[in-house]
Amino acid sequence: MNKIPKIIHYCWFGKGEMPKALKECMKSWEILKQAGYEIKRWDESNCSFDENDFVRKCFAEKKWGYIGDYYRAKALYEIGGCTWTPMLLYRNRSMNF
């Protein structure tokens, strides 16, 4: 049986500055790195807005969340791992990574 790769995928599209509060929340992901997880960011530098009709339409309408949904699903299908939106991860003492 294959294990799920220890990769966390997240997306940030639109070239807008990430809010300071969100950057602070993402610092909490350090516990995942310490547990052997790779954190993979998907954005304009490694994704194409010409991928298909859906992505082209979302890009034209600046619907960044839908583009992120598409690329998170694609990453899971092609690479595997887990996907989260940029959020604070609270470490519970019972968590065992």
PDB file of N, CA and C in Angstrom:
ATOM      1  N   MET A   1       0.835  -1.171   0.000  1.00  0.00           N
ATOM      2  CA  MET A   1       0.000   0.000   0.000  1.00  0.00           C
ATOM      3  C   MET A   1       0.889   1.248   0.000  1.00  0.00           C
ATOM      4  N   ASN A   2       0.577   2.201  -0.875  1.00  0.00           N
ATOM      5  CA  ASN A   2       1.328   3.448  -0.942  1.00  0.00           C
ATOM      6  C   ASN A   2       0.841   4.422   0.125  1.00  0.00           C
ATOM      7  N   LYS A   3       1.783   5.139   0.693  1.00  0.00           N
ATOM      8  CA  LYS A   3       1.435   6.165   1.672  1.00  0.00           C
ATOM      9  C   LYS A   3       1.165   7.485   0.956  1.00  0.00           C
ATOM     10  N   ILE A   4       0.367   8.319   1.580  1.00  0.00           N
ATOM     11  CA  ILE A   4       0.134   9.660   1.055  1.00  0.00           C
ATOM     12  C   ILE A   4       1.424  10.455   1.233  1.00  0.00           C
ATOM     13  N   PRO A   5       1.922  11.095   0.153  1.00  0.00           N
ATOM     14  CA  PRO A   5       3.153  11.881   0.279  1.00  0.00           C
ATOM     15  C   PRO A   5       3.002  12.993   1.317  1.00  0.00           C
ATOM     16  N   LYS A   6       4.087  13.282   2.001  1.00  0.00           N
ATOM     17  CA  LYS A   6       4.071  14.332   3.023  1.00  0.00           C
ATOM     18  C   LYS A   6       4.298  15.693   2.356  1.00  0.00           C
ATOM     19  N   ILE A   7       3.308  16.090   1.582  1.00  0.00           N
ATOM     20  CA  ILE A   7       3.343  17.372   0.880  1.00  0.00           C
ATOM     21  C   ILE A   7       2.042  18.111   1.178  1.00  0.00           C
ATOM     22  N   ILE A   8       2.159  19.362   1.566  1.00  0.00           N
ATOM     23  CA  ILE A   8       0.998  20.229   1.768  1.00  0.00           C
ATOM     24  C   ILE A   8       0.989  21.228   0.615  1.00  0.00           C
ATOM     25  N   HIS A   9      -0.072  21.225  -0.170  1.00  0.00           N
ATOM     26  CA  HIS A   9      -0.211  22.146  -1.298  1.00  0.00           C
ATOM     27  C   HIS A   9      -1.086  23.323  -0.882  1.00  0.00           C
ATOM     28  N   TYR A  10      -0.670  24.527  -1.276  1.00  0.00           N
ATOM     29  CA  TYR A  10      -1.543  25.689  -1.111  1.00  0.00           C
ATOM     30  C   TYR A  10      -1.346  26.620  -2.296  1.00  0.00           C
ATOM     31  N   CYS A  11      -2.315  27.477  -2.532  1.00  0.00           N
ATOM     32  CA  CYS A  11      -2.296  28.370  -3.694  1.00  0.00           C
ATOM     33  C   CYS A  11      -2.408  29.822  -3.261  1.00  0.00           C
ATOM     34  N   TRP A  12      -1.737  30.674  -4.018  1.00  0.00           N
ATOM     35  CA  TRP A  12      -1.892  32.116  -3.849  1.00  0.00           C
ATOM     36  C   TRP A  12      -1.792  32.748  -5.227  1.00  0.00           C
ATOM     37  N   PHE A  13      -2.932  33.159  -5.759  1.00  0.00           N
ATOM     38  CA  PHE A  13      -2.999  33.748  -7.093  1.00  0.00           C
ATOM     39  C   PHE A  13      -3.455  35.194  -7.016  1.00  0.00           C
ATOM     40  N   GLY A  14      -3.154  35.942  -8.072  1.00  0.00           N
ATOM     41  CA  GLY A  14      -3.616  37.315  -8.186  1.00  0.00           C
ATOM     42  C   GLY A  14      -2.527  38.348  -7.973  1.00  0.00           C
ATOM     43  N   LYS A  15      -1.338  37.914  -7.621  1.00  0.00           N
ATOM     44  CA  LYS A  15      -0.183  38.782  -7.399  1.00  0.00           C
ATOM     45  C   LYS A  15      -0.408  39.835  -6.321  1.00  0.00           C
ATOM     46  N   GLY A  16      -1.514  39.748  -5.611  1.00  0.00           N
ATOM     47  CA  GLY A  16      -1.747  40.675  -4.507  1.00  0.00           C
ATOM     48  C   GLY A  16      -0.866  40.312  -3.324  1.00  0.00           C
ATOM     49  N   GLU A  17      -0.579  41.295  -2.513  1.00  0.00           N
ATOM     50  CA  GLU A  17       0.223  41.062  -1.316  1.00  0.00           C
ATOM     51  C   GLU A  17      -0.582  40.224  -0.328  1.00  0.00           C
ATOM     52  N   MET A  18       0.052  39.210   0.209  1.00  0.00           N
ATOM     53  CA  MET A  18      -0.601  38.374   1.206  1.00  0.00           C
ATOM     54  C   MET A  18      -0.731  39.190   2.496  1.00  0.00           C
ATOM     55  N   PRO A  19      -1.909  39.217   3.086  1.00  0.00           N
ATOM     56  CA  PRO A  19      -2.091  39.985   4.322  1.00  0.00           C
ATOM     57  C   PRO A  19      -1.136  39.522   5.428  1.00  0.00           C
ATOM     58  N   LYS A  20      -0.709  40.478   6.238  1.00  0.00           N
ATOM     59  CA  LYS A  20       0.229  40.185   7.320  1.00  0.00           C
ATOM     60  C   LYS A  20      -0.311  39.099   8.249  1.00  0.00           C
ATOM     61  N   ALA A  21      -1.593  39.173   8.577  1.00  0.00           N
ATOM     62  CA  ALA A  21      -2.189  38.173   9.475  1.00  0.00           C
ATOM     63  C   ALA A  21      -2.086  36.771   8.884  1.00  0.00           C
ATOM     64  N   LEU A  22      -2.263  36.665   7.573  1.00  0.00           N
ATOM     65  CA  LEU A  22      -2.169  35.367   6.916  1.00  0.00           C
ATOM     66  C   LEU A  22      -0.732  34.849   6.935  1.00  0.00           C
ATOM     67  N   LYS A  23       0.224  35.743   6.714  1.00  0.00           N
ATOM     68  CA  LYS A  23       1.638  35.352   6.792  1.00  0.00           C
ATOM     69  C   LYS A  23       1.969  34.834   8.191  1.00  0.00           C
ATOM     70  N   GLU A  24       1.438  35.508   9.195  1.00  0.00           N
ATOM     71  CA  GLU A  24       1.666  35.070  10.573  1.00  0.00           C
ATOM     72  C   GLU A  24       1.070  33.685  10.810  1.00  0.00           C
ATOM     73  N   CYS A  25      -0.124  33.456  10.297  1.00  0.00           N
ATOM     74  CA  CYS A  25      -0.759  32.142  10.446  1.00  0.00           C
ATOM     75  C   CYS A  25       0.085  31.053   9.801  1.00  0.00           C
ATOM     76  N   MET A  26       0.645  31.363   8.641  1.00  0.00           N
ATOM     77  CA  MET A  26       1.422  30.358   7.918  1.00  0.00           C
ATOM     78  C   MET A  26       2.707  29.983   8.647  1.00  0.00           C
ATOM     79  N   LYS A  27       3.175  30.842   9.535  1.00  0.00           N
ATOM     80  CA  LYS A  27       4.349  30.490  10.342  1.00  0.00           C
ATOM     81  C   LYS A  27       4.070  29.258  11.197  1.00  0.00           C
ATOM     82  N   SER A  28       2.791  29.037  11.503  1.00  0.00           N
ATOM     83  CA  SER A  28       2.436  27.870  12.314  1.00  0.00           C
ATOM     84  C   SER A  28       2.681  26.567  11.563  1.00  0.00           C
ATOM     85  N   TRP A  29       2.849  26.658  10.245  1.00  0.00           N
ATOM     86  CA  TRP A  29       3.110  25.454   9.457  1.00  0.00           C
ATOM     87  C   TRP A  29       4.498  24.886   9.726  1.00  0.00           C
ATOM     88  N   GLU A  30       5.314  25.625  10.456  1.00  0.00           N
ATOM     89  CA  GLU A  30       6.660  25.160  10.766  1.00  0.00           C
ATOM     90  C   GLU A  30       6.623  23.796  11.464  1.00  0.00           C
ATOM     91  N   ILE A  31       5.596  23.541  12.252  1.00  0.00           N
ATOM     92  CA  ILE A  31       5.522  22.235  12.924  1.00  0.00           C
ATOM     93  C   ILE A  31       5.352  21.107  11.908  1.00  0.00           C
ATOM     94  N   LEU A  32       4.733  21.408  10.771  1.00  0.00           N
ATOM     95  CA  LEU A  32       4.610  20.392   9.719  1.00  0.00           C
ATOM     96  C   LEU A  32       5.961  20.128   9.066  1.00  0.00           C
ATOM     97  N   LYS A  33       6.719  21.190   8.819  1.00  0.00           N
ATOM     98  CA  LYS A  33       8.057  21.020   8.244  1.00  0.00           C
ATOM     99  C   LYS A  33       8.923  20.187   9.177  1.00  0.00           C
ATOM    100  N   GLN A  34       8.825  20.459  10.465  1.00  0.00           N
ATOM    101  CA  GLN A  34       9.604  19.703  11.442  1.00  0.00           C
ATOM    102  C   GLN A  34       9.199  18.232  11.465  1.00  0.00           C
ATOM    103  N   ALA A  35       7.973  17.956  11.048  1.00  0.00           N
ATOM    104  CA  ALA A  35       7.482  16.574  11.005  1.00  0.00           C
ATOM    105  C   ALA A  35       7.761  15.916   9.653  1.00  0.00           C
ATOM    106  N   GLY A  36       8.518  16.613   8.788  1.00  0.00           N
ATOM    107  CA  GLY A  36       8.913  16.013   7.520  1.00  0.00           C
ATOM    108  C   GLY A  36       8.039  16.352   6.328  1.00  0.00           C
ATOM    109  N   TYR A  37       7.115  17.294   6.491  1.00  0.00           N
ATOM    110  CA  TYR A  37       6.254  17.687   5.374  1.00  0.00           C
ATOM    111  C   TYR A  37       6.929  18.742   4.512  1.00  0.00           C
ATOM    112  N   GLU A  38       6.703  18.655   3.213  1.00  0.00           N
ATOM    113  CA  GLU A  38       7.108  19.694   2.276  1.00  0.00           C
ATOM    114  C   GLU A  38       5.900  20.609   2.079  1.00  0.00           C
ATOM    115  N   ILE A  39       6.123  21.916   2.075  1.00  0.00           N
ATOM    116  CA  ILE A  39       5.060  22.886   1.822  1.00  0.00           C
ATOM    117  C   ILE A  39       5.254  23.388   0.396  1.00  0.00           C
ATOM    118  N   LYS A  40       4.278  23.154  -0.463  1.00  0.00           N
ATOM    119  CA  LYS A  40       4.376  23.502  -1.887  1.00  0.00           C
ATOM    120  C   LYS A  40       3.390  24.616  -2.217  1.00  0.00           C
ATOM    121  N   ARG A  41       3.915  25.731  -2.692  1.00  0.00           N
ATOM    122  CA  ARG A  41       3.076  26.868  -3.089  1.00  0.00           C
ATOM    123  C   ARG A  41       2.848  26.829  -4.594  1.00  0.00           C
ATOM    124  N   TRP A  42       1.598  27.047  -4.989  1.00  0.00           N
ATOM    125  CA  TRP A  42       1.217  27.146  -6.393  1.00  0.00           C
ATOM    126  C   TRP A  42       0.767  28.582  -6.645  1.00  0.00           C
ATOM    127  N   ASP A  43       1.380  29.219  -7.660  1.00  0.00           N
ATOM    128  CA  ASP A  43       1.045  30.607  -7.973  1.00  0.00           C
ATOM    129  C   ASP A  43       1.358  30.885  -9.443  1.00  0.00           C
ATOM    130  N   GLU A  44       1.394  32.155  -9.821  1.00  0.00           N
ATOM    131  CA  GLU A  44       1.637  32.522 -11.218  1.00  0.00           C
ATOM    132  C   GLU A  44       2.982  32.036 -11.743  1.00  0.00           C
ATOM    133  N   SER A  45       3.946  31.825 -10.869  1.00  0.00           N
ATOM    134  CA  SER A  45       5.283  31.425 -11.311  1.00  0.00           C
ATOM    135  C   SER A  45       5.358  29.964 -11.749  1.00  0.00           C
ATOM    136  N   ASN A  46       4.424  29.125 -11.310  1.00  0.00           N
ATOM    137  CA  ASN A  46       4.509  27.706 -11.666  1.00  0.00           C
ATOM    138  C   ASN A  46       3.190  27.122 -12.179  1.00  0.00           C
ATOM    139  N   CYS A  47       2.232  27.997 -12.518  1.00  0.00           N
ATOM    140  CA  CYS A  47       0.947  27.558 -13.071  1.00  0.00           C
ATOM    141  C   CYS A  47       0.612  28.412 -14.291  1.00  0.00           C
ATOM    142  N   SER A  48      -0.108  27.836 -15.215  1.00  0.00           N
ATOM    143  CA  SER A  48      -0.504  28.552 -16.428  1.00  0.00           C
ATOM    144  C   SER A  48      -1.968  28.964 -16.355  1.00  0.00           C
ATOM    145  N   PHE A  49      -2.244  30.203 -16.742  1.00  0.00           N
ATOM    146  CA  PHE A  49      -3.632  30.657 -16.828  1.00  0.00           C
ATOM    147  C   PHE A  49      -4.248  30.260 -18.157  1.00  0.00           C
ATOM    148  N   ASP A  50      -3.472  29.575 -18.987  1.00  0.00           N
ATOM    149  CA  ASP A  50      -3.959  29.090 -20.279  1.00  0.00           C
ATOM    150  C   ASP A  50      -4.139  27.570 -20.237  1.00  0.00           C
ATOM    151  N   GLU A  51      -4.295  27.024 -19.052  1.00  0.00           N
ATOM    152  CA  GLU A  51      -4.395  25.575 -18.824  1.00  0.00           C
ATOM    153  C   GLU A  51      -5.592  24.951 -19.539  1.00  0.00           C
ATOM    154  N   ASN A  52      -6.729  25.607 -19.468  1.00  0.00           N
ATOM    155  CA  ASN A  52      -7.955  25.105 -20.097  1.00  0.00           C
ATOM    156  C   ASN A  52      -8.995  26.231 -20.097  1.00  0.00           C
ATOM    157  N   ASP A  53     -10.167  25.959 -20.672  1.00  0.00           N
ATOM    158  CA  ASP A  53     -11.209  26.995 -20.759  1.00  0.00           C
ATOM    159  C   ASP A  53     -11.637  27.506 -19.385  1.00  0.00           C
ATOM    160  N   PHE A  54     -11.764  26.601 -18.430  1.00  0.00           N
ATOM    161  CA  PHE A  54     -12.190  26.994 -17.083  1.00  0.00           C
ATOM    162  C   PHE A  54     -11.202  27.987 -16.467  1.00  0.00           C
ATOM    163  N   VAL A  55      -9.917  27.654 -16.506  1.00  0.00           N
ATOM    164  CA  VAL A  55      -8.901  28.526 -15.910  1.00  0.00           C
ATOM    165  C   VAL A  55      -8.819  29.848 -16.670  1.00  0.00           C
ATOM    166  N   ARG A  56      -8.902  29.806 -17.997  1.00  0.00           N
ATOM    167  CA  ARG A  56      -8.885  31.049 -18.783  1.00  0.00           C
ATOM    168  C   ARG A  56     -10.044  31.963 -18.389  1.00  0.00           C
ATOM    169  N   LYS A  57     -11.233  31.388 -18.246  1.00  0.00           N
ATOM    170  CA  LYS A  57     -12.413  32.180 -17.867  1.00  0.00           C
ATOM    171  C   LYS A  57     -12.246  32.768 -16.463  1.00  0.00           C
ATOM    172  N   CYS A  58     -11.783  31.959 -15.536  1.00  0.00           N
ATOM    173  CA  CYS A  58     -11.564  32.445 -14.168  1.00  0.00           C
ATOM    174  C   CYS A  58     -10.508  33.546 -14.136  1.00  0.00           C
ATOM    175  N   PHE A  59      -9.465  33.389 -14.933  1.00  0.00           N
ATOM    176  CA  PHE A  59      -8.418  34.415 -14.997  1.00  0.00           C
ATOM    177  C   PHE A  59      -8.985  35.718 -15.540  1.00  0.00           C
ATOM    178  N   ALA A  60      -9.765  35.630 -16.614  1.00  0.00           N
ATOM    179  CA  ALA A  60     -10.362  36.826 -17.220  1.00  0.00           C
ATOM    180  C   ALA A  60     -11.272  37.552 -16.230  1.00  0.00           C
ATOM    181  N   GLU A  61     -11.927  36.791 -15.364  1.00  0.00           N
ATOM    182  CA  GLU A  61     -12.856  37.372 -14.384  1.00  0.00           C
ATOM    183  C   GLU A  61     -12.207  37.597 -13.013  1.00  0.00           C
ATOM    184  N   LYS A  62     -10.889  37.346 -12.942  1.00  0.00           N
ATOM    185  CA  LYS A  62     -10.122  37.507 -11.696  1.00  0.00           C
ATOM    186  C   LYS A  62     -10.726  36.718 -10.528  1.00  0.00           C
ATOM    187  N   LYS A  63     -11.140  35.524 -10.818  1.00  0.00           N
ATOM    188  CA  LYS A  63     -11.700  34.641  -9.787  1.00  0.00           C
ATOM    189  C   LYS A  63     -10.583  33.733  -9.262  1.00  0.00           C
ATOM    190  N   TRP A  64      -9.711  34.344  -8.465  1.00  0.00           N
ATOM    191  CA  TRP A  64      -8.502  33.660  -8.007  1.00  0.00           C
ATOM    192  C   TRP A  64      -8.816  32.428  -7.169  1.00  0.00           C
ATOM    193  N   GLY A  65      -9.853  32.467  -6.380  1.00  0.00           N
ATOM    194  CA  GLY A  65     -10.209  31.317  -5.543  1.00  0.00           C
ATOM    195  C   GLY A  65     -10.533  30.082  -6.360  1.00  0.00           C
ATOM    196  N   TYR A  66     -11.233  30.267  -7.473  1.00  0.00           N
ATOM    197  CA  TYR A  66     -11.562  29.129  -8.338  1.00  0.00           C
ATOM    198  C   TYR A  66     -10.313  28.566  -9.013  1.00  0.00           C
ATOM    199  N   ILE A  67      -9.400  29.463  -9.375  1.00  0.00           N
ATOM    200  CA  ILE A  67      -8.136  28.995  -9.962  1.00  0.00           C
ATOM    201  C   ILE A  67      -7.376  28.179  -8.921  1.00  0.00           C
ATOM    202  N   GLY A  68      -7.367  28.651  -7.684  1.00  0.00           N
ATOM    203  CA  GLY A  68      -6.727  27.897  -6.609  1.00  0.00           C
ATOM    204  C   GLY A  68      -7.374  26.544  -6.389  1.00  0.00           C
ATOM    205  N   ASP A  69      -8.695  26.501  -6.432  1.00  0.00           N
ATOM    206  CA  ASP A  69      -9.405  25.222  -6.292  1.00  0.00           C
ATOM    207  C   ASP A  69      -8.965  24.245  -7.369  1.00  0.00           C
ATOM    208  N   TYR A  70      -8.871  24.733  -8.609  1.00  0.00           N
ATOM    209  CA  TYR A  70      -8.475  23.879  -9.730  1.00  0.00           C
ATOM    210  C   TYR A  70      -7.065  23.326  -9.513  1.00  0.00           C
ATOM    211  N   TYR A  71      -6.121  24.217  -9.183  1.00  0.00           N
ATOM    212  CA  TYR A  71      -4.736  23.764  -9.055  1.00  0.00           C
ATOM    213  C   TYR A  71      -4.505  22.904  -7.813  1.00  0.00           C
ATOM    214  N   ARG A  72      -5.249  23.124  -6.740  1.00  0.00           N
ATOM    215  CA  ARG A  72      -5.138  22.214  -5.587  1.00  0.00           C
ATOM    216  C   ARG A  72      -5.610  20.816  -5.973  1.00  0.00           C
ATOM    217  N   ALA A  73      -6.722  20.738  -6.683  1.00  0.00           N
ATOM    218  CA  ALA A  73      -7.230  19.429  -7.122  1.00  0.00           C
ATOM    219  C   ALA A  73      -6.248  18.765  -8.080  1.00  0.00           C
ATOM    220  N   LYS A  74      -5.688  19.547  -8.987  1.00  0.00           N
ATOM    221  CA  LYS A  74      -4.720  19.005  -9.951  1.00  0.00           C
ATOM    222  C   LYS A  74      -3.473  18.482  -9.225  1.00  0.00           C
ATOM    223  N   ALA A  75      -2.994  19.240  -8.238  1.00  0.00           N
ATOM    224  CA  ALA A  75      -1.812  18.818  -7.486  1.00  0.00           C
ATOM    225  C   ALA A  75      -2.072  17.505  -6.753  1.00  0.00           C
ATOM    226  N   LEU A  76      -3.235  17.385  -6.135  1.00  0.00           N
ATOM    227  CA  LEU A  76      -3.562  16.139  -5.435  1.00  0.00           C
ATOM    228  C   LEU A  76      -3.638  14.966  -6.396  1.00  0.00           C
ATOM    229  N   TYR A  77      -4.241  15.187  -7.551  1.00  0.00           N
ATOM    230  CA  TYR A  77      -4.398  14.122  -8.535  1.00  0.00           C
ATOM    231  C   TYR A  77      -3.047  13.694  -9.109  1.00  0.00           C
ATOM    232  N   GLU A  78      -2.207  14.665  -9.461  1.00  0.00           N
ATOM    233  CA  GLU A  78      -0.944  14.352 -10.136  1.00  0.00           C
ATOM    234  C   GLU A  78       0.199  14.017  -9.189  1.00  0.00           C
ATOM    235  N   ILE A  79       0.216  14.619  -8.002  1.00  0.00           N
ATOM    236  CA  ILE A  79       1.348  14.463  -7.092  1.00  0.00           C
ATOM    237  C   ILE A  79       0.965  13.722  -5.818  1.00  0.00           C
ATOM    238  N   GLY A  80      -0.218  14.029  -5.315  1.00  0.00           N
ATOM    239  CA  GLY A  80      -0.635  13.469  -4.034  1.00  0.00           C
ATOM    240  C   GLY A  80      -0.287  14.413  -2.904  1.00  0.00           C
ATOM    241  N   GLY A  81      -0.622  14.037  -1.720  1.00  0.00           N
ATOM    242  CA  GLY A  81      -0.359  14.867  -0.559  1.00  0.00           C
ATOM    243  C   GLY A  81      -1.653  15.349   0.057  1.00  0.00           C
ATOM    244  N   CYS A  82      -1.594  16.528   0.659  1.00  0.00           N
ATOM    245  CA  CYS A  82      -2.747  17.154   1.307  1.00  0.00           C
ATOM    246  C   CYS A  82      -2.860  18.575   0.784  1.00  0.00           C
ATOM    247  N   THR A  83      -4.015  19.155   0.930  1.00  0.00           N
ATOM    248  CA  THR A  83      -4.181  20.542   0.516  1.00  0.00           C
ATOM    249  C   THR A  83      -4.922  21.312   1.584  1.00  0.00           C
ATOM    250  N   TRP A  84      -4.459  22.523   1.824  1.00  0.00           N
ATOM    251  CA  TRP A  84      -5.102  23.423   2.760  1.00  0.00           C
ATOM    252  C   TRP A  84      -5.129  24.807   2.157  1.00  0.00           C
ATOM    253  N   THR A  85      -6.119  25.560   2.583  1.00  0.00           N
ATOM    254  CA  THR A  85      -6.068  26.979   2.291  1.00  0.00           C
ATOM    255  C   THR A  85      -5.146  27.582   3.339  1.00  0.00           C
ATOM    256  N   PRO A  86      -4.509  28.705   3.038  1.00  0.00           N
ATOM    257  CA  PRO A  86      -3.612  29.286   4.051  1.00  0.00           C
ATOM    258  C   PRO A  86      -4.394  29.598   5.326  1.00  0.00           C
ATOM    259  N   MET A  87      -4.164  28.811   6.342  1.00  0.00           N
ATOM    260  CA  MET A  87      -4.879  28.988   7.609  1.00  0.00           C
ATOM    261  C   MET A  87      -3.958  28.620   8.749  1.00  0.00           C
ATOM    262  N   LEU A  88      -4.358  29.000   9.908  1.00  0.00           N
ATOM    263  CA  LEU A  88      -3.577  28.691  11.093  1.00  0.00           C
ATOM    264  C   LEU A  88      -3.767  27.235  11.472  1.00  0.00           C
ATOM    265  N   LEU A  89      -2.676  26.568  11.693  1.00  0.00           N
ATOM    266  CA  LEU A  89      -2.735  25.191  12.166  1.00  0.00           C
ATOM    267  C   LEU A  89      -2.434  25.214  13.654  1.00  0.00           C
ATOM    268  N   TYR A  90      -3.404  24.841  14.421  1.00  0.00           N
ATOM    269  CA  TYR A  90      -3.208  24.781  15.862  1.00  0.00           C
ATOM    270  C   TYR A  90      -2.669  23.405  16.220  1.00  0.00           C
ATOM    271  N   ARG A  91      -1.639  23.388  16.984  1.00  0.00           N
ATOM    272  CA  ARG A  91      -1.081  22.106  17.379  1.00  0.00           C
ATOM    273  C   ARG A  91      -1.782  21.620  18.636  1.00  0.00           C
ATOM    274  N   ASN A  92      -2.399  20.513  18.477  1.00  0.00           N
ATOM    275  CA  ASN A  92      -3.078  19.876  19.593  1.00  0.00           C
ATOM    276  C   ASN A  92      -2.099  18.862  20.177  1.00  0.00           C
ATOM    277  N   ARG A  93      -2.031  18.774  21.448  1.00  0.00           N
ATOM    278  CA  ARG A  93      -1.085  17.839  22.065  1.00  0.00           C
ATOM    279  C   ARG A  93      -1.319  16.396  21.626  1.00  0.00           C
ATOM    280  N   SER A  94      -2.509  16.095  21.175  1.00  0.00           N
ATOM    281  CA  SER A  94      -2.785  14.723  20.751  1.00  0.00           C
ATOM    282  C   SER A  94      -2.424  14.490  19.288  1.00  0.00           C
ATOM    283  N   MET A  95      -2.012  15.557  18.575  1.00  0.00           N
ATOM    284  CA  MET A  95      -1.630  15.366  17.168  1.00  0.00           C
ATOM    285  C   MET A  95      -0.341  14.566  17.102  1.00  0.00           C
ATOM    286  N   ASN A  96      -0.292  13.670  16.183  1.00  0.00           N
ATOM    287  CA  ASN A  96       0.918  12.885  15.989  1.00  0.00           C
ATOM    288  C   ASN A  96       1.205  12.828  14.502  1.00  0.00           C
ATOM    289  N   PHE A  97       2.118  13.671  14.063  1.00  0.00           N
ATOM    290  CA  PHE A  97       2.462  13.686  12.637  1.00  0.00           C
ATOM    291  C   PHE A  97       3.499  12.645  12.410  1.00  0.00           C
TER     292      PHE A  97
END
